[in-house]
Amino acid sequence: MHLPHVPRRNAALLPAAAAFGLFLLLFGLLHPGELFSGMRTILLHEDVLITDYIQLSGIGPAFVNAGLVTLVTVAIFYLVGETPNGSTVVTISLMAGFSLFGKNILNIWPILFGTAVYASLKREPLSKYVNVAMLGTSLAPMVSFMGCDVHPLVGTLVGVLIGFLIAPVSEYAFRIQNGMNLYSTGFACGLVAMIFVPIFKALGLSPAPHLLWSMGNNVKLAILLSSLCLCLIAGGLILHPRAALAGYWKLLHTSGRAPSDYLRMFGHGPVLVNMGVNGLFAMGYLLLTGGDLNGPTLGGIFTIIGFSAYGKHLFNIAPVMIGVLLGSTFLHVSANHESLQLAALFGTTLAPFSGVFGWPFGVLAGVIHSAVVLQAGLPLEGMNLYNNGFSAGLVALVLYPVIISLFRHRRPTLRDEDLFETYEDDTPQPQEPCHPDSPRPRGR
């Protein structure tokens, strides 16, 4: 059997991701109570937002599911010969995080298969579409909903159709958002859901969002998350601490505008430090505002950690989170409301507004997002797990042209870090136009 070649530079990425998946799996197995019945409940549930698997089935089944989905994701990347890079980190983190509230080891497969069919008809390698296939599982609740309320075969066929459609829609969605919404697949999935949900309703089906939200696990999950983040920071510093910190300082002064593959630009040391710092900051924000650590919020923090390899850093996410916090003071919703907890975490998809135009515009984007996210997902009836990505896409489509029109002196220009990637020999090389939300060329 011929095994795919993995470039030496990032050869440890997939094994490290597999170790992360095993870590989640083992943590779940340490809570074995009702494990099998809990997994069965997860697999047979509709999974409409917000379905916290910890509340639904307990910590054990939730983390076992997350671990299994993470391991499957790593295995697929390896088998298709994906070149590990920053977008790989993003995808693995999102698959792990959302497997705590909506994706499971069963409902992701029809969507993945649908994208594989699309790649086959295009006569292109699956490695070109593997990232968008994984991220397209944002619509996995449609598979579960149709499978539970109609028939498993119908749910499977709907998932295959979604997987087939998501690749071209995602590519288009990325182009029109000017790199200002890092979750552009979330916007693409929202567009697809806007077509499917009205059809479901016209057929007499009644999808409706609901709320399963666990509380009371802050201490246990804070210890887990803190351990993970400290390990990331230590891993980034252990070999060349001064170089890693110097690289991290440079990383903090990048715009974060997509595509910004920090792993290629700065190497693993600064990126690991960035991942750990951002994870701790996000957790601190949540706890200080009276939030809860549970499946959905851990998913949000894992997403921030993943995108720390692809556009997010402390300087560009903090203004957006502050904006969401300020927004809560003008709304009839408190900062620790479930939706605004998630908005503060996932709303950091708008971090490029801070990096490109300055922190006041990051705060402005956060304020607007805090209001839009409460309403934009209503027509989708909880069917798109990346609801904040859809809402942020709407914000980006309106806010970006307004800023560059009214503040022409702030018209964005490409920086060196947007055009070049730094390799181990410190030689600048042109960066491929790859991003985690759309089809990408095969790695060299």
Protein backbone atom coordinates (compact mmCIF):
# COMPACT_ATOMS: atom_id res chain seq x y z
CA MET A 1 0.00 0.00 0.00
CA HIS A 2 1.38 3.40 -1.01
CA LEU A 3 1.27 5.91 1.83
CA PRO A 4 1.03 9.66 1.14
CA HIS A 5 4.12 11.76 1.63
CA VAL A 6 3.98 14.39 4.38
CA PRO A 7 6.46 17.29 4.09
CA ARG A 8 9.12 17.32 6.78
CA ARG A 9 8.37 20.86 7.91
CA ASN A 10 4.94 20.02 9.32
CA ALA A 11 5.33 16.27 9.57
CA ALA A 12 4.49 16.31 13.28
CA LEU A 13 1.20 18.14 12.82
CA LEU A 14 -1.03 15.17 12.10
CA PRO A 15 0.50 12.95 14.84
CA ALA A 16 0.07 15.83 17.29
CA ALA A 17 -3.55 16.23 16.21
CA ALA A 18 -4.07 12.50 16.65
CA ALA A 19 -2.64 12.80 20.17
CA PHE A 20 -5.14 15.60 20.83
CA GLY A 21 -7.96 13.35 19.65
CA LEU A 22 -6.76 10.59 21.96
CA PHE A 23 -6.58 13.12 24.80
CA LEU A 24 -10.26 14.02 24.27
CA LEU A 25 -11.21 10.34 23.98
CA LEU A 26 -9.38 9.34 27.17
CA PHE A 27 -10.89 12.27 29.07
CA GLY A 28 -14.31 11.02 28.04
CA LEU A 29 -13.49 7.45 29.06
CA LEU A 30 -12.62 8.73 32.53
CA HIS A 31 -16.35 9.45 32.86
CA PRO A 32 -17.77 6.05 31.86
CA GLY A 33 -21.24 6.38 33.41
CA GLU A 34 -23.95 5.66 30.82
CA LEU A 35 -21.34 5.78 28.06
CA PHE A 36 -23.06 3.50 25.56
CA SER A 37 -26.57 4.80 26.14
CA GLY A 38 -25.20 8.35 26.02
CA MET A 39 -23.49 7.76 22.69
CA ARG A 40 -26.69 6.25 21.33
CA THR A 41 -28.60 9.36 22.41
CA ILE A 42 -26.08 11.61 20.67
CA LEU A 43 -26.25 9.64 17.43
CA LEU A 44 -30.05 9.58 17.34
CA HIS A 45 -30.70 13.21 18.35
CA GLU A 46 -31.77 15.98 15.94
CA ASP A 47 -28.74 18.15 16.95
CA VAL A 48 -30.44 21.46 16.14
CA LEU A 49 -28.74 24.49 17.74
CA ILE A 50 -28.09 24.67 20.62
CA THR A 51 -27.60 21.02 21.57
CA ASP A 52 -24.93 20.73 24.21
CA TYR A 53 -23.85 17.08 24.21
CA ILE A 54 -22.66 17.45 27.81
CA GLN A 55 -26.20 18.39 28.85
CA LEU A 56 -27.71 15.78 26.53
CA SER A 57 -25.63 12.77 27.50
CA GLY A 58 -22.94 13.77 29.99
CA ILE A 59 -19.24 14.62 29.83
CA GLY A 60 -18.14 11.07 29.00
CA PRO A 61 -20.15 10.51 25.78
CA ALA A 62 -19.60 14.11 24.64
CA PHE A 63 -15.81 13.87 24.82
CA VAL A 64 -15.70 10.32 23.45
CA ASN A 65 -17.64 11.59 20.42
CA ALA A 66 -15.28 14.58 20.07
CA GLY A 67 -12.25 12.32 20.30
CA LEU A 68 -13.58 9.89 17.69
CA VAL A 69 -14.50 12.67 15.25
CA THR A 70 -11.06 14.26 15.70
CA LEU A 71 -9.29 10.95 15.03
CA VAL A 72 -11.44 10.33 11.95
CA THR A 73 -10.62 13.83 10.69
CA VAL A 74 -6.88 13.26 11.11
CA ALA A 75 -7.13 9.89 9.38
CA ILE A 76 -8.94 11.41 6.39
CA PHE A 77 -6.34 14.16 6.07
CA TYR A 78 -3.60 11.54 6.09
CA LEU A 79 -5.27 9.23 3.59
CA VAL A 80 -6.02 11.95 1.03
CA GLY A 81 -2.47 13.28 1.23
CA GLU A 82 -3.36 16.73 2.55
CA THR A 83 -0.32 18.95 3.01
CA PRO A 84 -0.46 19.98 6.69
CA ASN A 85 -0.63 23.75 7.19
CA GLY A 86 -2.53 26.38 9.13
CA SER A 87 -5.85 25.53 7.52
CA THR A 88 -5.38 21.93 8.66
CA VAL A 89 -5.10 23.13 12.26
CA VAL A 90 -8.28 25.18 11.81
CA THR A 91 -10.28 22.29 10.43
CA ILE A 92 -9.19 19.79 13.06
CA SER A 93 -9.97 22.26 15.85
CA LEU A 94 -13.42 23.02 14.46
CA MET A 95 -14.25 19.35 14.02
CA ALA A 96 -13.19 18.69 17.62
CA GLY A 97 -15.02 21.68 19.06
CA PHE A 98 -18.30 21.26 17.23
CA SER A 99 -18.33 17.56 18.04
CA LEU A 100 -19.30 18.71 21.52
CA PHE A 101 -22.52 20.26 20.22
CA GLY A 102 -23.89 19.16 16.88
CA LYS A 103 -21.48 17.03 14.88
CA ASN A 104 -21.15 13.36 15.63
CA ILE A 105 -19.42 10.30 14.32
CA LEU A 106 -22.55 9.44 12.29
CA ASN A 107 -24.04 12.60 10.81
CA ILE A 108 -20.86 13.97 9.17
CA TRP A 109 -20.40 11.15 6.63
CA PRO A 110 -23.11 11.99 4.05
CA ILE A 111 -21.76 15.55 3.67
CA LEU A 112 -18.18 14.31 3.31
CA PHE A 113 -19.33 11.80 0.71
CA GLY A 114 -21.22 14.49 -1.21
CA THR A 115 -18.09 16.62 -1.54
CA ALA A 116 -16.14 13.54 -2.63
CA VAL A 117 -18.72 13.02 -5.39
CA TYR A 118 -18.28 16.65 -6.43
CA ALA A 119 -14.49 16.27 -6.60
CA SER A 120 -14.88 13.07 -8.62
CA LEU A 121 -17.19 14.71 -11.16
CA LYS A 122 -14.74 17.61 -11.44
CA ARG A 123 -11.96 15.02 -11.89
CA GLU A 124 -9.92 16.70 -9.21
CA PRO A 125 -8.23 15.19 -6.13
CA LEU A 126 -10.22 15.08 -2.92
CA SER A 127 -7.28 16.76 -1.17
CA LYS A 128 -8.27 19.97 -2.95
CA TYR A 129 -11.68 19.93 -1.27
CA VAL A 130 -11.06 18.09 1.99
CA ASN A 131 -11.06 21.24 4.15
CA VAL A 132 -14.32 22.56 2.74
CA ALA A 133 -15.84 19.08 3.04
CA MET A 134 -15.00 18.98 6.75
CA LEU A 135 -16.21 22.52 7.40
CA GLY A 136 -19.38 21.85 5.41
CA THR A 137 -20.41 19.45 8.18
CA SER A 138 -21.68 22.62 9.83
CA LEU A 139 -24.96 21.53 8.26
CA ALA A 140 -24.86 18.09 9.88
CA PRO A 141 -28.01 18.93 11.92
CA MET A 142 -29.95 18.74 8.65
CA VAL A 143 -28.80 15.14 8.25
CA SER A 144 -29.84 14.30 11.81
CA PHE A 145 -33.13 16.20 11.60
CA MET A 146 -34.25 14.57 8.35
CA GLY A 147 -32.99 11.19 9.49
CA CYS A 148 -34.94 11.38 12.77
CA ASP A 149 -38.12 13.08 11.54
CA VAL A 150 -38.49 11.51 8.09
CA HIS A 151 -36.21 8.53 7.35
CA PRO A 152 -32.49 7.79 7.71
CA LEU A 153 -32.19 7.37 3.94
CA VAL A 154 -33.71 10.80 3.35
CA GLY A 155 -31.27 12.32 5.85
CA THR A 156 -28.39 10.65 4.05
CA LEU A 157 -29.50 11.93 0.64
CA VAL A 158 -29.92 15.48 1.99
CA GLY A 159 -26.39 15.31 3.44
CA VAL A 160 -24.93 14.12 0.15
CA LEU A 161 -26.64 16.97 -1.70
CA ILE A 162 -25.34 19.49 0.85
CA GLY A 163 -21.80 18.15 0.48
CA PHE A 164 -22.08 18.43 -3.29
CA LEU A 165 -23.25 22.04 -3.16
CA ILE A 166 -21.02 23.43 -0.44
CA ALA A 167 -17.73 23.45 -2.38
CA PRO A 168 -18.75 25.89 -5.18
CA VAL A 169 -20.84 28.04 -2.81
CA SER A 170 -17.98 28.26 -0.32
CA GLU A 171 -15.52 29.33 -3.00
CA TYR A 172 -17.84 32.13 -4.06
CA ALA A 173 -18.55 33.19 -0.47
CA PHE A 174 -14.85 33.57 0.26
CA ARG A 175 -14.32 35.91 -2.69
CA ILE A 176 -17.12 38.32 -1.85
CA GLN A 177 -16.11 38.83 1.80
CA ASN A 178 -12.67 40.34 1.06
CA GLY A 179 -10.97 38.18 3.70
CA MET A 180 -12.71 40.06 6.51
CA ASN A 181 -14.81 37.12 7.79
CA LEU A 182 -12.55 34.21 8.71
CA TYR A 183 -15.53 31.84 8.88
CA SER A 184 -16.56 32.30 5.27
CA THR A 185 -17.75 28.69 5.06
CA GLY A 186 -20.17 29.54 7.87
CA PHE A 187 -21.61 32.22 5.60
CA ALA A 188 -21.75 29.74 2.71
CA CYS A 189 -23.50 27.16 4.87
CA GLY A 190 -25.99 29.82 5.94
CA LEU A 191 -26.81 30.52 2.30
CA VAL A 192 -27.37 26.82 1.63
CA ALA A 193 -29.53 26.52 4.75
CA MET A 194 -31.61 29.49 3.56
CA ILE A 195 -32.63 27.30 0.60
CA PHE A 196 -33.19 24.04 2.45
CA VAL A 197 -35.09 25.24 5.53
CA PRO A 198 -37.98 26.87 3.59
CA ILE A 199 -38.25 23.67 1.52
CA PHE A 200 -38.49 21.63 4.72
CA LYS A 201 -41.26 23.91 5.98
CA ALA A 202 -43.10 23.77 2.66
CA LEU A 203 -43.12 19.98 2.98
CA GLY A 204 -44.79 20.24 6.35
CA LEU A 205 -41.72 19.69 8.48
CA SER A 206 -41.14 21.97 11.45
CA PRO A 207 -37.48 22.40 12.35
CA ALA A 208 -37.10 24.67 15.34
CA PRO A 209 -34.08 25.73 17.40
CA HIS A 210 -33.96 24.68 21.01
CA LEU A 211 -31.64 25.06 23.96
CA LEU A 212 -29.70 22.36 25.79
CA TRP A 213 -27.06 24.17 27.84
CA SER A 214 -25.07 22.59 30.67
CA MET A 215 -23.85 24.46 33.74
CA GLY A 216 -21.80 23.66 36.79
CA ASN A 217 -18.70 22.20 35.10
CA ASN A 218 -16.53 25.33 35.10
CA VAL A 219 -13.87 24.06 37.51
CA LYS A 220 -13.35 20.68 35.87
CA LEU A 221 -13.34 22.03 32.31
CA ALA A 222 -11.20 25.05 33.25
CA ILE A 223 -8.53 22.68 34.56
CA LEU A 224 -8.74 20.66 31.35
CA LEU A 225 -8.54 23.71 29.11
CA SER A 226 -5.81 25.43 31.12
CA SER A 227 -3.68 22.29 30.96
CA LEU A 228 -4.11 22.12 27.21
CA CYS A 229 -3.24 25.80 26.68
CA LEU A 230 -0.19 25.67 28.96
CA CYS A 231 1.04 22.60 27.10
CA LEU A 232 0.69 24.49 23.82
CA ILE A 233 2.69 27.44 25.16
CA ALA A 234 5.36 25.15 26.59
CA GLY A 235 5.53 23.23 23.31
CA GLY A 236 6.11 26.48 21.44
CA LEU A 237 8.85 27.68 23.77
CA ILE A 238 10.69 24.49 24.63
CA LEU A 239 13.18 24.36 21.74
CA HIS A 240 13.94 28.00 20.89
CA PRO A 241 12.19 30.26 23.42
CA ARG A 242 13.73 33.57 22.31
CA ALA A 243 13.05 32.91 18.64
CA ALA A 244 9.52 31.78 19.42
CA LEU A 245 8.77 34.93 21.43
CA ALA A 246 10.32 37.15 18.76
CA GLY A 247 8.20 35.43 16.12
CA TYR A 248 5.12 35.74 18.32
CA TRP A 249 5.69 39.50 18.66
CA LYS A 250 5.83 39.82 14.87
CA LEU A 251 2.70 37.67 14.57
CA LEU A 252 0.85 40.06 16.88
CA HIS A 253 1.38 42.84 14.36
CA THR A 254 -0.14 41.07 11.37
CA SER A 255 -3.58 41.95 10.09
CA GLY A 256 -5.05 38.46 10.21
CA ARG A 257 -6.89 39.09 6.97
CA ALA A 258 -7.61 35.83 5.17
CA PRO A 259 -5.64 34.07 3.93
CA SER A 260 -3.04 34.37 6.70
CA ASP A 261 -1.40 31.00 7.25
CA TYR A 262 0.64 31.70 10.38
CA LEU A 263 2.10 28.21 10.40
CA ARG A 264 3.80 28.86 7.08
CA MET A 265 4.69 32.44 7.89
CA PHE A 266 6.17 31.97 11.38
CA GLY A 267 6.65 28.26 12.05
CA HIS A 268 5.24 26.12 14.83
CA GLY A 269 6.90 27.85 17.85
CA PRO A 270 5.16 31.27 17.66
CA VAL A 271 1.92 29.64 16.51
CA LEU A 272 1.77 27.27 19.48
CA VAL A 273 2.37 30.20 21.83
CA ASN A 274 -0.39 32.15 20.06
CA MET A 275 -2.78 29.21 20.36
CA GLY A 276 -2.18 28.83 24.08
CA VAL A 277 -2.40 32.54 24.88
CA ASN A 278 -5.60 32.98 22.89
CA GLY A 279 -7.19 29.95 24.54
CA LEU A 280 -6.43 31.27 28.02
CA PHE A 281 -7.66 34.75 27.11
CA ALA A 282 -10.95 33.40 25.73
CA MET A 283 -11.51 31.25 28.80
CA GLY A 284 -10.70 34.19 31.07
CA TYR A 285 -13.20 36.41 29.26
CA LEU A 286 -15.90 33.79 29.64
CA LEU A 287 -15.33 33.21 33.34
CA LEU A 288 -15.00 36.92 34.17
CA THR A 289 -18.32 37.72 32.47
CA GLY A 290 -20.14 34.94 34.34
CA GLY A 291 -20.26 32.49 31.44
CA ASP A 292 -20.25 28.72 31.41
CA LEU A 293 -17.71 26.20 30.22
CA ASN A 294 -19.65 23.53 28.38
CA GLY A 295 -19.89 21.91 24.96
CA PRO A 296 -20.79 25.02 22.91
CA THR A 297 -18.38 27.39 24.67
CA LEU A 298 -15.55 24.86 24.55
CA GLY A 299 -16.33 24.61 20.84
CA GLY A 300 -15.92 28.38 20.59
CA ILE A 301 -12.62 28.33 22.46
CA PHE A 302 -11.31 25.42 20.36
CA THR A 303 -12.25 27.46 17.29
CA ILE A 304 -10.23 30.44 18.54
CA ILE A 305 -7.30 28.13 19.29
CA GLY A 306 -7.48 26.63 15.79
CA PHE A 307 -7.71 29.98 14.03
CA SER A 308 -4.68 31.10 16.03
CA ALA A 309 -2.80 29.32 13.24
CA TYR A 310 -4.77 31.21 10.63
CA GLY A 311 -5.50 34.86 11.36
CA LYS A 312 -6.36 35.36 15.03
CA HIS A 313 -4.12 36.80 17.72
CA LEU A 314 -4.62 38.67 20.98
CA PHE A 315 -4.38 42.13 19.43
CA ASN A 316 -7.11 41.55 16.84
CA ILE A 317 -9.57 39.38 18.79
CA ALA A 318 -9.68 41.43 22.00
CA PRO A 319 -11.33 44.50 20.38
CA VAL A 320 -14.07 42.35 18.84
CA MET A 321 -14.79 40.60 22.15
CA ILE A 322 -14.87 43.98 23.91
CA GLY A 323 -17.29 45.16 21.23
CA VAL A 324 -19.63 42.25 21.92
CA LEU A 325 -19.42 43.03 25.64
CA LEU A 326 -20.25 46.68 24.97
CA GLY A 327 -23.06 45.62 22.68
CA SER A 328 -24.68 43.70 25.51
CA THR A 329 -25.06 46.96 27.44
CA PHE A 330 -27.29 48.34 24.67
CA LEU A 331 -29.31 45.17 24.19
CA HIS A 332 -31.96 43.62 26.38
CA VAL A 333 -29.63 40.64 26.77
CA SER A 334 -26.89 40.25 29.37
CA ALA A 335 -23.29 39.42 28.51
CA ASN A 336 -23.64 35.96 30.06
CA HIS A 337 -26.69 35.09 27.96
CA GLU A 338 -26.03 31.92 26.01
CA SER A 339 -26.15 33.60 22.60
CA LEU A 340 -23.81 36.42 23.61
CA GLN A 341 -21.33 34.05 25.24
CA LEU A 342 -21.07 32.34 21.87
CA ALA A 343 -21.08 35.67 20.01
CA ALA A 344 -18.05 36.86 21.99
CA LEU A 345 -16.13 33.69 21.16
CA PHE A 346 -17.20 33.01 17.59
CA GLY A 347 -17.51 36.70 16.75
CA THR A 348 -13.72 36.84 16.65
CA THR A 349 -14.18 35.73 13.05
CA LEU A 350 -14.27 39.52 12.46
CA ALA A 351 -10.75 39.95 13.88
CA PRO A 352 -9.40 41.22 10.51
CA PHE A 353 -11.36 44.45 11.03
CA SER A 354 -9.09 45.16 14.00
CA GLY A 355 -5.94 44.15 12.17
CA VAL A 356 -6.65 45.94 8.89
CA PHE A 357 -8.41 49.12 10.00
CA GLY A 358 -7.44 49.45 13.67
CA TRP A 359 -8.88 48.45 17.03
CA PRO A 360 -11.81 50.94 17.04
CA PHE A 361 -13.21 49.24 13.97
CA GLY A 362 -12.78 45.86 15.65
CA VAL A 363 -14.86 47.14 18.56
CA LEU A 364 -17.44 48.49 16.11
CA ALA A 365 -17.63 45.14 14.31
CA GLY A 366 -18.14 43.39 17.65
CA VAL A 367 -20.95 45.75 18.69
CA ILE A 368 -22.78 45.26 15.40
CA HIS A 369 -22.25 41.51 15.47
CA SER A 370 -23.70 41.24 18.98
CA ALA A 371 -27.02 42.53 17.63
CA VAL A 372 -27.03 40.85 14.22
CA VAL A 373 -26.26 37.37 15.53
CA LEU A 374 -29.37 37.41 17.73
CA GLN A 375 -31.61 37.76 14.66
CA ALA A 376 -29.76 36.53 11.58
CA GLY A 377 -30.00 32.86 12.49
CA LEU A 378 -33.77 32.85 13.04
CA PRO A 379 -34.68 31.90 9.43
CA LEU A 380 -32.16 29.04 9.60
CA GLU A 381 -33.97 27.41 12.54
CA GLY A 382 -30.75 26.20 14.17
CA MET A 383 -29.70 24.14 11.15
CA ASN A 384 -26.34 25.87 10.61
CA LEU A 385 -23.86 25.22 13.41
CA TYR A 386 -21.70 28.11 12.15
CA ASN A 387 -24.44 30.64 12.83
CA ASN A 388 -21.92 33.27 13.92
CA GLY A 389 -20.05 32.79 10.65
CA PHE A 390 -23.25 33.51 8.72
CA SER A 391 -24.00 36.59 10.85
CA ALA A 392 -20.42 37.84 10.58
CA GLY A 393 -20.60 37.43 6.82
CA LEU A 394 -23.54 39.83 6.73
CA VAL A 395 -21.64 42.29 8.92
CA ALA A 396 -18.53 42.05 6.74
CA LEU A 397 -20.47 42.53 3.50
CA VAL A 398 -21.93 45.82 4.79
CA LEU A 399 -19.20 47.18 7.04
CA TYR A 400 -16.20 46.66 4.76
CA PRO A 401 -17.37 48.81 1.79
CA VAL A 402 -18.68 51.50 4.16
CA ILE A 403 -15.30 51.79 5.91
CA ILE A 404 -13.24 51.97 2.73
CA SER A 405 -15.69 54.47 1.25
CA LEU A 406 -15.89 56.85 4.22
CA PHE A 407 -12.34 56.40 5.49
CA ARG A 408 -10.31 56.22 2.32
CA HIS A 409 -7.07 56.73 4.21
CA ARG A 410 -7.80 53.38 5.86
CA ARG A 411 -8.12 51.52 2.58
CA PRO A 412 -6.30 48.23 3.25
CA THR A 413 -3.02 47.52 1.57
CA LEU A 414 -1.26 44.19 1.35
CA ARG A 415 1.51 43.85 3.88
CA ASP A 416 4.62 41.76 3.63
CA GLU A 417 3.08 39.12 5.87
CA ASP A 418 0.09 38.87 3.52
CA LEU A 419 2.32 38.10 0.55
CA PHE A 420 5.18 36.07 1.95
CA GLU A 421 5.69 33.06 4.13
CA THR A 422 8.86 32.47 6.11
CA TYR A 423 10.52 29.06 5.97
CA GLU A 424 13.03 27.53 8.32
CA ASP A 425 15.90 29.04 6.39
CA ASP A 426 14.30 32.51 6.86
CA THR A 427 13.89 32.91 3.11
CA PRO A 428 10.66 34.70 2.17
CA GLN A 429 8.56 32.71 -0.29
CA PRO A 430 5.32 33.66 -2.02
CA GLN A 431 2.35 32.34 -0.10
CA GLU A 432 -0.23 30.16 -1.82
CA PRO A 433 -3.72 31.65 -1.92
CA CYS A 434 -5.10 28.90 0.28
CA HIS A 435 -7.67 29.29 3.00
CA PRO A 436 -9.52 26.82 5.20
CA ASP A 437 -12.94 27.72 3.88
CA SER A 438 -12.62 26.98 0.19
CA PRO A 439 -11.08 24.50 -2.21
CA ARG A 440 -7.30 24.76 -2.24
CA PRO A 441 -4.62 23.52 -4.61
CA ARG A 442 -2.56 20.49 -3.67
CA GLY A 443 0.41 21.33 -1.55
CA ARG A 444 3.78 21.30 -3.14
